[in-house]
Amino acid sequence: MPAGGDCYVLKSVLHNWPDDTARRIVRLCRDAVGAGGALLVVERLIPEPNEGADVKYTDLNTFVGPGSFERDAEEWRALLQAGGFRMERVTLVGAFGGFVVIEGAPA
């Protein structure tokens, strides 16, 4: 990971990995980013119960395939925190597919 960047972007990366490996990836970003930098994670967000069947279907496929899972907002918060970031905000980027941008700042 090249050091000193202002912003690191991970799109559709972390959902492929279980928590321990995803934490290591986030920690590598934290070690590389400058004090005023940011981490942008573009992933799907597991919605509330009885909502977002398409994302939950992807969650099932992710579990069966690489053995990982999609995460809800609290799981993303915990993952970023464990990797040295604090979750600043979550922004929906499109109604279809459940993709969001999760903004993390160095903790």
PDB file of N, CA and C in Angstrom:
ATOM      1  N   MET A   1       0.854  -1.172   0.000  1.00  0.00           N
ATOM      2  CA  MET A   1       0.000   0.000   0.000  1.00  0.00           C
ATOM      3  C   MET A   1       0.901   1.236   0.000  1.00  0.00           C
ATOM      4  N   PRO A   2       0.779   2.086  -1.001  1.00  0.00           N
ATOM      5  CA  PRO A   2       1.603   3.307  -1.005  1.00  0.00           C
ATOM      6  C   PRO A   2       1.166   4.245   0.120  1.00  0.00           C
ATOM      7  N   ALA A   3       2.126   4.774   0.829  1.00  0.00           N
ATOM      8  CA  ALA A   3       1.838   5.620   1.994  1.00  0.00           C
ATOM      9  C   ALA A   3       1.622   7.084   1.602  1.00  0.00           C
ATOM     10  N   GLY A   4       0.910   7.790   2.466  1.00  0.00           N
ATOM     11  CA  GLY A   4       0.780   9.231   2.343  1.00  0.00           C
ATOM     12  C   GLY A   4      -0.365   9.728   1.488  1.00  0.00           C
ATOM     13  N   GLY A   5      -1.249   8.859   1.060  1.00  0.00           N
ATOM     14  CA  GLY A   5      -2.382   9.294   0.251  1.00  0.00           C
ATOM     15  C   GLY A   5      -3.398  10.067   1.078  1.00  0.00           C
ATOM     16  N   ASP A   6      -4.133  10.934   0.414  1.00  0.00           N
ATOM     17  CA  ASP A   6      -5.195  11.690   1.083  1.00  0.00           C
ATOM     18  C   ASP A   6      -6.458  10.852   1.240  1.00  0.00           C
ATOM     19  N   CYS A   7      -6.666   9.930   0.305  1.00  0.00           N
ATOM     20  CA  CYS A   7      -7.890   9.145   0.327  1.00  0.00           C
ATOM     21  C   CYS A   7      -7.620   7.781  -0.302  1.00  0.00           C
ATOM     22  N   TYR A   8      -8.107   6.753   0.360  1.00  0.00           N
ATOM     23  CA  TYR A   8      -8.013   5.403  -0.165  1.00  0.00           C
ATOM     24  C   TYR A   8      -9.437   4.910  -0.400  1.00  0.00           C
ATOM     25  N   VAL A   9      -9.665   4.254  -1.542  1.00  0.00           N
ATOM     26  CA  VAL A   9     -10.998   3.788  -1.916  1.00  0.00           C
ATOM     27  C   VAL A   9     -10.964   2.267  -2.077  1.00  0.00           C
ATOM     28  N   LEU A  10     -11.886   1.616  -1.379  1.00  0.00           N
ATOM     29  CA  LEU A  10     -12.068   0.171  -1.519  1.00  0.00           C
ATOM     30  C   LEU A  10     -13.490  -0.053  -2.014  1.00  0.00           C
ATOM     31  N   LYS A  11     -13.630  -0.542  -3.241  1.00  0.00           N
ATOM     32  CA  LYS A  11     -14.958  -0.777  -3.790  1.00  0.00           C
ATOM     33  C   LYS A  11     -15.153  -2.276  -4.016  1.00  0.00           C
ATOM     34  N   SER A  12     -16.155  -2.810  -3.351  1.00  0.00           N
ATOM     35  CA  SER A  12     -16.495  -4.225  -3.469  1.00  0.00           C
ATOM     36  C   SER A  12     -15.301  -5.119  -3.179  1.00  0.00           C
ATOM     37  N   VAL A  13     -14.555  -4.782  -2.147  1.00  0.00           N
ATOM     38  CA  VAL A  13     -13.394  -5.560  -1.733  1.00  0.00           C
ATOM     39  C   VAL A  13     -13.669  -6.272  -0.415  1.00  0.00           C
ATOM     40  N   LEU A  14     -14.075  -5.524   0.587  1.00  0.00           N
ATOM     41  CA  LEU A  14     -14.130  -6.057   1.948  1.00  0.00           C
ATOM     42  C   LEU A  14     -15.210  -7.113   2.143  1.00  0.00           C
ATOM     43  N   HIS A  15     -16.268  -7.070   1.345  1.00  0.00           N
ATOM     44  CA  HIS A  15     -17.321  -8.078   1.524  1.00  0.00           C
ATOM     45  C   HIS A  15     -16.845  -9.482   1.140  1.00  0.00           C
ATOM     46  N   ASN A  16     -15.728  -9.563   0.444  1.00  0.00           N
ATOM     47  CA  ASN A  16     -15.183 -10.860   0.046  1.00  0.00           C
ATOM     48  C   ASN A  16     -14.376 -11.538   1.148  1.00  0.00           C
ATOM     49  N   TRP A  17     -14.185 -10.850   2.261  1.00  0.00           N
ATOM     50  CA  TRP A  17     -13.281 -11.352   3.288  1.00  0.00           C
ATOM     51  C   TRP A  17     -13.964 -11.429   4.642  1.00  0.00           C
ATOM     52  N   PRO A  18     -13.606 -12.455   5.441  1.00  0.00           N
ATOM     53  CA  PRO A  18     -14.107 -12.503   6.814  1.00  0.00           C
ATOM     54  C   PRO A  18     -13.502 -11.360   7.629  1.00  0.00           C
ATOM     55  N   ASP A  19     -14.043 -11.150   8.812  1.00  0.00           N
ATOM     56  CA  ASP A  19     -13.657  -9.989   9.622  1.00  0.00           C
ATOM     57  C   ASP A  19     -12.162  -9.866   9.861  1.00  0.00           C
ATOM     58  N   ASP A  20     -11.468 -10.953  10.182  1.00  0.00           N
ATOM     59  CA  ASP A  20     -10.049 -10.840  10.506  1.00  0.00           C
ATOM     60  C   ASP A  20      -9.231 -10.332   9.320  1.00  0.00           C
ATOM     61  N   THR A  21      -9.501 -10.846   8.135  1.00  0.00           N
ATOM     62  CA  THR A  21      -8.782 -10.388   6.941  1.00  0.00           C
ATOM     63  C   THR A  21      -9.221  -8.976   6.555  1.00  0.00           C
ATOM     64  N   ALA A  22     -10.505  -8.685   6.644  1.00  0.00           N
ATOM     65  CA  ALA A  22     -10.998  -7.337   6.328  1.00  0.00           C
ATOM     66  C   ALA A  22     -10.379  -6.308   7.267  1.00  0.00           C
ATOM     67  N   ARG A  23     -10.226  -6.653   8.543  1.00  0.00           N
ATOM     68  CA  ARG A  23      -9.577  -5.741   9.502  1.00  0.00           C
ATOM     69  C   ARG A  23      -8.137  -5.460   9.091  1.00  0.00           C
ATOM     70  N   ARG A  24      -7.436  -6.490   8.636  1.00  0.00           N
ATOM     71  CA  ARG A  24      -6.046  -6.283   8.197  1.00  0.00           C
ATOM     72  C   ARG A  24      -5.978  -5.359   6.993  1.00  0.00           C
ATOM     73  N   ILE A  25      -6.911  -5.503   6.069  1.00  0.00           N
ATOM     74  CA  ILE A  25      -6.946  -4.622   4.891  1.00  0.00           C
ATOM     75  C   ILE A  25      -7.204  -3.186   5.323  1.00  0.00           C
ATOM     76  N   VAL A  26      -8.174  -2.987   6.207  1.00  0.00           N
ATOM     77  CA  VAL A  26      -8.485  -1.640   6.703  1.00  0.00           C
ATOM     78  C   VAL A  26      -7.291  -1.075   7.466  1.00  0.00           C
ATOM     79  N   ARG A  27      -6.620  -1.895   8.257  1.00  0.00           N
ATOM     80  CA  ARG A  27      -5.446  -1.442   9.023  1.00  0.00           C
ATOM     81  C   ARG A  27      -4.324  -1.025   8.083  1.00  0.00           C
ATOM     82  N   LEU A  28      -4.134  -1.727   6.974  1.00  0.00           N
ATOM     83  CA  LEU A  28      -3.128  -1.318   5.993  1.00  0.00           C
ATOM     84  C   LEU A  28      -3.447   0.068   5.439  1.00  0.00           C
ATOM     85  N   CYS A  29      -4.723   0.321   5.201  1.00  0.00           N
ATOM     86  CA  CYS A  29      -5.132   1.653   4.733  1.00  0.00           C
ATOM     87  C   CYS A  29      -4.864   2.690   5.811  1.00  0.00           C
ATOM     88  N   ARG A  30      -5.158   2.337   7.059  1.00  0.00           N
ATOM     89  CA  ARG A  30      -4.945   3.287   8.166  1.00  0.00           C
ATOM     90  C   ARG A  30      -3.465   3.598   8.322  1.00  0.00           C
ATOM     91  N   ASP A  31      -2.620   2.595   8.199  1.00  0.00           N
ATOM     92  CA  ASP A  31      -1.181   2.806   8.316  1.00  0.00           C
ATOM     93  C   ASP A  31      -0.648   3.679   7.187  1.00  0.00           C
ATOM     94  N   ALA A  32      -1.310   3.661   6.041  1.00  0.00           N
ATOM     95  CA  ALA A  32      -0.837   4.407   4.874  1.00  0.00           C
ATOM     96  C   ALA A  32      -1.390   5.825   4.791  1.00  0.00           C
ATOM     97  N   VAL A  33      -2.610   6.038   5.259  1.00  0.00           N
ATOM     98  CA  VAL A  33      -3.279   7.329   5.074  1.00  0.00           C
ATOM     99  C   VAL A  33      -2.681   8.393   5.990  1.00  0.00           C
ATOM    100  N   GLY A  34      -2.658   9.635   5.476  1.00  0.00           N
ATOM    101  CA  GLY A  34      -2.197  10.754   6.284  1.00  0.00           C
ATOM    102  C   GLY A  34      -3.198  11.104   7.378  1.00  0.00           C
ATOM    103  N   ALA A  35      -2.761  11.921   8.335  1.00  0.00           N
ATOM    104  CA  ALA A  35      -3.589  12.273   9.497  1.00  0.00           C
ATOM    105  C   ALA A  35      -4.926  12.888   9.092  1.00  0.00           C
ATOM    106  N   GLY A  36      -4.952  13.672   8.042  1.00  0.00           N
ATOM    107  CA  GLY A  36      -6.183  14.313   7.605  1.00  0.00           C
ATOM    108  C   GLY A  36      -6.868  13.573   6.473  1.00  0.00           C
ATOM    109  N   GLY A  37      -6.447  12.349   6.206  1.00  0.00           N
ATOM    110  CA  GLY A  37      -6.957  11.589   5.079  1.00  0.00           C
ATOM    111  C   GLY A  37      -8.271  10.895   5.368  1.00  0.00           C
ATOM    112  N   ALA A  38      -8.682  10.060   4.419  1.00  0.00           N
ATOM    113  CA  ALA A  38      -9.968   9.378   4.541  1.00  0.00           C
ATOM    114  C   ALA A  38      -9.900   8.010   3.879  1.00  0.00           C
ATOM    115  N   LEU A  39     -10.815   7.156   4.302  1.00  0.00           N
ATOM    116  CA  LEU A  39     -11.041   5.866   3.670  1.00  0.00           C
ATOM    117  C   LEU A  39     -12.478   5.862   3.181  1.00  0.00           C
ATOM    118  N   LEU A  40     -12.677   5.573   1.902  1.00  0.00           N
ATOM    119  CA  LEU A  40     -14.012   5.437   1.336  1.00  0.00           C
ATOM    120  C   LEU A  40     -14.228   3.971   0.990  1.00  0.00           C
ATOM    121  N   VAL A  41     -15.245   3.387   1.574  1.00  0.00           N
ATOM    122  CA  VAL A  41     -15.582   1.990   1.338  1.00  0.00           C
ATOM    123  C   VAL A  41     -16.916   1.977   0.589  1.00  0.00           C
ATOM    124  N   VAL A  42     -16.920   1.421  -0.608  1.00  0.00           N
ATOM    125  CA  VAL A  42     -18.135   1.319  -1.411  1.00  0.00           C
ATOM    126  C   VAL A  42     -18.553  -0.146  -1.392  1.00  0.00           C
ATOM    127  N   GLU A  43     -19.640  -0.413  -0.691  1.00  0.00           N
ATOM    128  CA  GLU A  43     -20.115  -1.774  -0.500  1.00  0.00           C
ATOM    129  C   GLU A  43     -21.630  -1.750  -0.410  1.00  0.00           C
ATOM    130  N   ARG A  44     -22.195  -2.923  -0.310  1.00  0.00           N
ATOM    131  CA  ARG A  44     -23.633  -3.037  -0.056  1.00  0.00           C
ATOM    132  C   ARG A  44     -23.858  -2.998   1.446  1.00  0.00           C
ATOM    133  N   LEU A  45     -25.007  -2.504   1.824  1.00  0.00           N
ATOM    134  CA  LEU A  45     -25.370  -2.391   3.233  1.00  0.00           C
ATOM    135  C   LEU A  45     -26.593  -3.259   3.477  1.00  0.00           C
ATOM    136  N   ILE A  46     -26.470  -4.192   4.409  1.00  0.00           N
ATOM    137  CA  ILE A  46     -27.624  -5.040   4.762  1.00  0.00           C
ATOM    138  C   ILE A  46     -28.677  -4.140   5.398  1.00  0.00           C
ATOM    139  N   PRO A  47     -29.880  -4.117   4.831  1.00  0.00           N
ATOM    140  CA  PRO A  47     -30.943  -3.263   5.372  1.00  0.00           C
ATOM    141  C   PRO A  47     -31.664  -3.916   6.550  1.00  0.00           C
ATOM    142  N   GLU A  48     -32.671  -3.230   7.003  1.00  0.00           N
ATOM    143  CA  GLU A  48     -33.496  -3.710   8.115  1.00  0.00           C
ATOM    144  C   GLU A  48     -34.214  -5.000   7.724  1.00  0.00           C
ATOM    145  N   PRO A  49     -34.712  -5.743   8.726  1.00  0.00           N
ATOM    146  CA  PRO A  49     -35.477  -6.956   8.411  1.00  0.00           C
ATOM    147  C   PRO A  49     -36.649  -6.654   7.477  1.00  0.00           C
ATOM    148  N   ASN A  50     -36.942  -7.614   6.604  1.00  0.00           N
ATOM    149  CA  ASN A  50     -38.041  -7.531   5.640  1.00  0.00           C
ATOM    150  C   ASN A  50     -37.842  -6.441   4.591  1.00  0.00           C
ATOM    151  N   GLU A  51     -36.618  -6.006   4.381  1.00  0.00           N
ATOM    152  CA  GLU A  51     -36.300  -5.031   3.338  1.00  0.00           C
ATOM    153  C   GLU A  51     -35.070  -5.511   2.586  1.00  0.00           C
ATOM    154  N   GLY A  52     -34.923  -5.061   1.348  1.00  0.00           N
ATOM    155  CA  GLY A  52     -33.704  -5.289   0.583  1.00  0.00           C
ATOM    156  C   GLY A  52     -33.402  -6.737   0.257  1.00  0.00           C
ATOM    157  N   ALA A  53     -34.344  -7.421  -0.347  1.00  0.00           N
ATOM    158  CA  ALA A  53     -34.130  -8.834  -0.675  1.00  0.00           C
ATOM    159  C   ALA A  53     -32.928  -9.036  -1.590  1.00  0.00           C
ATOM    160  N   ASP A  54     -32.670  -8.100  -2.514  1.00  0.00           N
ATOM    161  CA  ASP A  54     -31.542  -8.256  -3.443  1.00  0.00           C
ATOM    162  C   ASP A  54     -30.209  -8.269  -2.708  1.00  0.00           C
ATOM    163  N   VAL A  55     -30.052  -7.418  -1.714  1.00  0.00           N
ATOM    164  CA  VAL A  55     -28.806  -7.386  -0.944  1.00  0.00           C
ATOM    165  C   VAL A  55     -28.672  -8.653  -0.098  1.00  0.00           C
ATOM    166  N   LYS A  56     -29.768  -9.115   0.429  1.00  0.00           N
ATOM    167  CA  LYS A  56     -29.722 -10.330   1.247  1.00  0.00           C
ATOM    168  C   LYS A  56     -29.424 -11.557   0.380  1.00  0.00           C
ATOM    169  N   TYR A  57     -29.870 -11.550  -0.855  1.00  0.00           N
ATOM    170  CA  TYR A  57     -29.531 -12.617  -1.792  1.00  0.00           C
ATOM    171  C   TYR A  57     -28.021 -12.587  -2.077  1.00  0.00           C
ATOM    172  N   THR A  58     -27.472 -11.390  -2.275  1.00  0.00           N
ATOM    173  CA  THR A  58     -26.033 -11.248  -2.473  1.00  0.00           C
ATOM    174  C   THR A  58     -25.275 -11.712  -1.238  1.00  0.00           C
ATOM    175  N   ASP A  59     -25.819 -11.422  -0.065  1.00  0.00           N
ATOM    176  CA  ASP A  59     -25.206 -11.870   1.181  1.00  0.00           C
ATOM    177  C   ASP A  59     -25.097 -13.389   1.196  1.00  0.00           C
ATOM    178  N   LEU A  60     -26.142 -14.057   0.809  1.00  0.00           N
ATOM    179  CA  LEU A  60     -26.139 -15.522   0.771  1.00  0.00           C
ATOM    180  C   LEU A  60     -25.108 -16.036  -0.231  1.00  0.00           C
ATOM    181  N   ASN A  61     -25.058 -15.443  -1.414  1.00  0.00           N
ATOM    182  CA  ASN A  61     -24.082 -15.852  -2.426  1.00  0.00           C
ATOM    183  C   ASN A  61     -22.654 -15.606  -1.949  1.00  0.00           C
ATOM    184  N   THR A  62     -22.425 -14.506  -1.264  1.00  0.00           N
ATOM    185  CA  THR A  62     -21.095 -14.191  -0.753  1.00  0.00           C
ATOM    186  C   THR A  62     -20.679 -15.209   0.303  1.00  0.00           C
ATOM    187  N   PHE A  63     -21.631 -15.632   1.114  1.00  0.00           N
ATOM    188  CA  PHE A  63     -21.337 -16.640   2.140  1.00  0.00           C
ATOM    189  C   PHE A  63     -20.996 -17.981   1.506  1.00  0.00           C
ATOM    190  N   VAL A  64     -21.778 -18.383   0.518  1.00  0.00           N
ATOM    191  CA  VAL A  64     -21.566 -19.683  -0.121  1.00  0.00           C
ATOM    192  C   VAL A  64     -20.291 -19.670  -0.964  1.00  0.00           C
ATOM    193  N   GLY A  65     -20.012 -18.564  -1.645  1.00  0.00           N
ATOM    194  CA  GLY A  65     -18.825 -18.469  -2.502  1.00  0.00           C
ATOM    195  C   GLY A  65     -17.549 -18.306  -1.699  1.00  0.00           C
ATOM    196  N   PRO A  66     -17.130 -17.059  -1.446  1.00  0.00           N
ATOM    197  CA  PRO A  66     -15.856 -16.859  -0.743  1.00  0.00           C
ATOM    198  C   PRO A  66     -15.923 -17.093   0.765  1.00  0.00           C
ATOM    199  N   GLY A  67     -17.110 -17.321   1.317  1.00  0.00           N
ATOM    200  CA  GLY A  67     -17.220 -17.605   2.745  1.00  0.00           C
ATOM    201  C   GLY A  67     -17.258 -16.373   3.613  1.00  0.00           C
ATOM    202  N   SER A  68     -17.676 -15.267   3.061  1.00  0.00           N
ATOM    203  CA  SER A  68     -17.772 -14.023   3.808  1.00  0.00           C
ATOM    204  C   SER A  68     -19.232 -13.607   3.881  1.00  0.00           C
ATOM    205  N   PHE A  69     -19.484 -12.312   4.016  1.00  0.00           N
ATOM    206  CA  PHE A  69     -20.862 -11.843   4.160  1.00  0.00           C
ATOM    207  C   PHE A  69     -20.937 -10.347   3.940  1.00  0.00           C
ATOM    208  N   GLU A  70     -22.135  -9.880   3.618  1.00  0.00           N
ATOM    209  CA  GLU A  70     -22.411  -8.451   3.582  1.00  0.00           C
ATOM    210  C   GLU A  70     -22.601  -7.995   5.029  1.00  0.00           C
ATOM    211  N   ARG A  71     -22.430  -6.715   5.289  1.00  0.00           N
ATOM    212  CA  ARG A  71     -22.486  -6.210   6.661  1.00  0.00           C
ATOM    213  C   ARG A  71     -23.552  -5.132   6.799  1.00  0.00           C
ATOM    214  N   ASP A  72     -24.078  -5.015   8.021  1.00  0.00           N
ATOM    215  CA  ASP A  72     -24.996  -3.911   8.310  1.00  0.00           C
ATOM    216  C   ASP A  72     -24.177  -2.725   8.822  1.00  0.00           C
ATOM    217  N   ALA A  73     -24.842  -1.625   9.102  1.00  0.00           N
ATOM    218  CA  ALA A  73     -24.146  -0.390   9.487  1.00  0.00           C
ATOM    219  C   ALA A  73     -23.296  -0.576  10.738  1.00  0.00           C
ATOM    220  N   GLU A  74     -23.798  -1.275  11.730  1.00  0.00           N
ATOM    221  CA  GLU A  74     -23.030  -1.468  12.962  1.00  0.00           C
ATOM    222  C   GLU A  74     -21.819  -2.371  12.738  1.00  0.00           C
ATOM    223  N   GLU A  75     -21.961  -3.350  11.876  1.00  0.00           N
ATOM    224  CA  GLU A  75     -20.820  -4.208  11.559  1.00  0.00           C
ATOM    225  C   GLU A  75     -19.742  -3.429  10.817  1.00  0.00           C
ATOM    226  N   TRP A  76     -20.162  -2.510   9.921  1.00  0.00           N
ATOM    227  CA  TRP A  76     -19.181  -1.655   9.241  1.00  0.00           C
ATOM    228  C   TRP A  76     -18.504  -0.721  10.229  1.00  0.00           C
ATOM    229  N   ARG A  77     -19.271  -0.164  11.151  1.00  0.00           N
ATOM    230  CA  ARG A  77     -18.697   0.730  12.160  1.00  0.00           C
ATOM    231  C   ARG A  77     -17.630  -0.013  12.975  1.00  0.00           C
ATOM    232  N   ALA A  78     -17.955  -1.223  13.421  1.00  0.00           N
ATOM    233  CA  ALA A  78     -17.022  -2.012  14.221  1.00  0.00           C
ATOM    234  C   ALA A  78     -15.775  -2.381  13.427  1.00  0.00           C
ATOM    235  N   LEU A  79     -15.957  -2.738  12.157  1.00  0.00           N
ATOM    236  CA  LEU A  79     -14.819  -3.106  11.317  1.00  0.00           C
ATOM    237  C   LEU A  79     -13.886  -1.921  11.123  1.00  0.00           C
ATOM    238  N   LEU A  80     -14.433  -0.767  10.790  1.00  0.00           N
ATOM    239  CA  LEU A  80     -13.603   0.418  10.620  1.00  0.00           C
ATOM    240  C   LEU A  80     -12.901   0.787  11.926  1.00  0.00           C
ATOM    241  N   GLN A  81     -13.617   0.726  13.021  1.00  0.00           N
ATOM    242  CA  GLN A  81     -13.028   1.060  14.313  1.00  0.00           C
ATOM    243  C   GLN A  81     -11.871   0.111  14.641  1.00  0.00           C
ATOM    244  N   ALA A  82     -12.063  -1.173  14.402  1.00  0.00           N
ATOM    245  CA  ALA A  82     -11.003  -2.148  14.667  1.00  0.00           C
ATOM    246  C   ALA A  82      -9.787  -1.906  13.782  1.00  0.00           C
ATOM    247  N   GLY A  83     -10.001  -1.288  12.627  1.00  0.00           N
ATOM    248  CA  GLY A  83      -8.913  -0.979  11.709  1.00  0.00           C
ATOM    249  C   GLY A  83      -8.305   0.397  11.897  1.00  0.00           C
ATOM    250  N   GLY A  84      -8.781   1.146  12.895  1.00  0.00           N
ATOM    251  CA  GLY A  84      -8.181   2.444  13.187  1.00  0.00           C
ATOM    252  C   GLY A  84      -8.901   3.650  12.611  1.00  0.00           C
ATOM    253  N   PHE A  85     -10.127   3.466  12.151  1.00  0.00           N
ATOM    254  CA  PHE A  85     -10.924   4.570  11.612  1.00  0.00           C
ATOM    255  C   PHE A  85     -12.195   4.755  12.439  1.00  0.00           C
ATOM    256  N   ARG A  86     -12.765   5.930  12.339  1.00  0.00           N
ATOM    257  CA  ARG A  86     -14.116   6.136  12.882  1.00  0.00           C
ATOM    258  C   ARG A  86     -15.029   6.390  11.684  1.00  0.00           C
ATOM    259  N   MET A  87     -16.223   5.829  11.731  1.00  0.00           N
ATOM    260  CA  MET A  87     -17.165   5.971  10.636  1.00  0.00           C
ATOM    261  C   MET A  87     -17.799   7.352  10.730  1.00  0.00           C
ATOM    262  N   GLU A  88     -17.612   8.142   9.696  1.00  0.00           N
ATOM    263  CA  GLU A  88     -18.134   9.508   9.664  1.00  0.00           C
ATOM    264  C   GLU A  88     -19.572   9.558   9.164  1.00  0.00           C
ATOM    265  N   ARG A  89     -19.828   8.875   8.042  1.00  0.00           N
ATOM    266  CA  ARG A  89     -21.181   8.868   7.481  1.00  0.00           C
ATOM    267  C   ARG A  89     -21.322   7.750   6.478  1.00  0.00           C
ATOM    268  N   VAL A  90     -22.579   7.441   6.190  1.00  0.00           N
ATOM    269  CA  VAL A  90     -22.928   6.433   5.188  1.00  0.00           C
ATOM    270  C   VAL A  90     -23.877   7.107   4.210  1.00  0.00           C
ATOM    271  N   THR A  91     -23.539   7.057   2.919  1.00  0.00           N
ATOM    272  CA  THR A  91     -24.339   7.723   1.893  1.00  0.00           C
ATOM    273  C   THR A  91     -24.799   6.701   0.864  1.00  0.00           C
ATOM    274  N   LEU A  92     -26.095   6.604   0.664  1.00  0.00           N
ATOM    275  CA  LEU A  92     -26.651   5.729  -0.361  1.00  0.00           C
ATOM    276  C   LEU A  92     -26.295   6.300  -1.728  1.00  0.00           C
ATOM    277  N   VAL A  93     -25.755   5.463  -2.607  1.00  0.00           N
ATOM    278  CA  VAL A  93     -25.357   5.946  -3.930  1.00  0.00           C
ATOM    279  C   VAL A  93     -26.301   5.519  -5.027  1.00  0.00           C
ATOM    280  N   GLY A  94     -27.291   4.748  -4.698  1.00  0.00           N
ATOM    281  CA  GLY A  94     -28.278   4.338  -5.674  1.00  0.00           C
ATOM    282  C   GLY A  94     -29.292   3.430  -5.012  1.00  0.00           C
ATOM    283  N   ALA A  95     -30.530   3.599  -5.379  1.00  0.00           N
ATOM    284  CA  ALA A  95     -31.581   2.807  -4.751  1.00  0.00           C
ATOM    285  C   ALA A  95     -31.461   1.337  -5.120  1.00  0.00           C
ATOM    286  N   PHE A  96     -31.012   1.041  -6.338  1.00  0.00           N
ATOM    287  CA  PHE A  96     -30.912  -0.348  -6.769  1.00  0.00           C
ATOM    288  C   PHE A  96     -29.590  -0.936  -6.313  1.00  0.00           C
ATOM    289  N   GLY A  97     -29.641  -2.045  -5.657  1.00  0.00           N
ATOM    290  CA  GLY A  97     -28.424  -2.751  -5.299  1.00  0.00           C
ATOM    291  C   GLY A  97     -27.925  -2.503  -3.906  1.00  0.00           C
ATOM    292  N   GLY A  98     -28.400  -1.470  -3.244  1.00  0.00           N
ATOM    293  CA  GLY A  98     -28.011  -1.225  -1.862  1.00  0.00           C
ATOM    294  C   GLY A  98     -26.601  -0.737  -1.659  1.00  0.00           C
ATOM    295  N   PHE A  99     -25.945  -0.194  -2.700  1.00  0.00           N
ATOM    296  CA  PHE A  99     -24.584   0.302  -2.526  1.00  0.00           C
ATOM    297  C   PHE A  99     -24.565   1.610  -1.769  1.00  0.00           C
ATOM    298  N   VAL A 100     -23.588   1.719  -0.880  1.00  0.00           N
ATOM    299  CA  VAL A 100     -23.379   2.931  -0.100  1.00  0.00           C
ATOM    300  C   VAL A 100     -21.896   3.282  -0.135  1.00  0.00           C
ATOM    301  N   VAL A 101     -21.618   4.531   0.181  1.00  0.00           N
ATOM    302  CA  VAL A 101     -20.235   4.962   0.426  1.00  0.00           C
ATOM    303  C   VAL A 101     -20.119   5.180   1.925  1.00  0.00           C
ATOM    304  N   ILE A 102     -19.204   4.453   2.539  1.00  0.00           N
ATOM    305  CA  ILE A 102     -18.958   4.564   3.969  1.00  0.00           C
ATOM    306  C   ILE A 102     -17.677   5.357   4.122  1.00  0.00           C
ATOM    307  N   GLU A 103     -17.785   6.514   4.772  1.00  0.00           N
ATOM    308  CA  GLU A 103     -16.624   7.390   4.936  1.00  0.00           C
ATOM    309  C   GLU A 103     -15.994   7.162   6.294  1.00  0.00           C
ATOM    310  N   GLY A 104     -14.700   6.891   6.277  1.00  0.00           N
ATOM    311  CA  GLY A 104     -13.958   6.698   7.513  1.00  0.00           C
ATOM    312  C   GLY A 104     -12.859   7.732   7.641  1.00  0.00           C
ATOM    313  N   ALA A 105     -12.663   8.234   8.863  1.00  0.00           N
ATOM    314  CA  ALA A 105     -11.578   9.166   9.162  1.00  0.00           C
ATOM    315  C   ALA A 105     -10.652   8.508  10.170  1.00  0.00           C
ATOM    316  N   PRO A 106      -9.358   8.813  10.096  1.00  0.00           N
ATOM    317  CA  PRO A 106      -8.441   8.215  11.065  1.00  0.00           C
ATOM    318  C   PRO A 106      -8.909   8.501  12.506  1.00  0.00           C
ATOM    319  N   ALA A 107      -8.897   7.461  13.328  1.00  0.00           N
ATOM    320  CA  ALA A 107      -9.315   7.623  14.722  1.00  0.00           C
ATOM    321  C   ALA A 107      -8.162   8.159  15.560  1.00  0.00           C
TER     322      ALA A 107
END
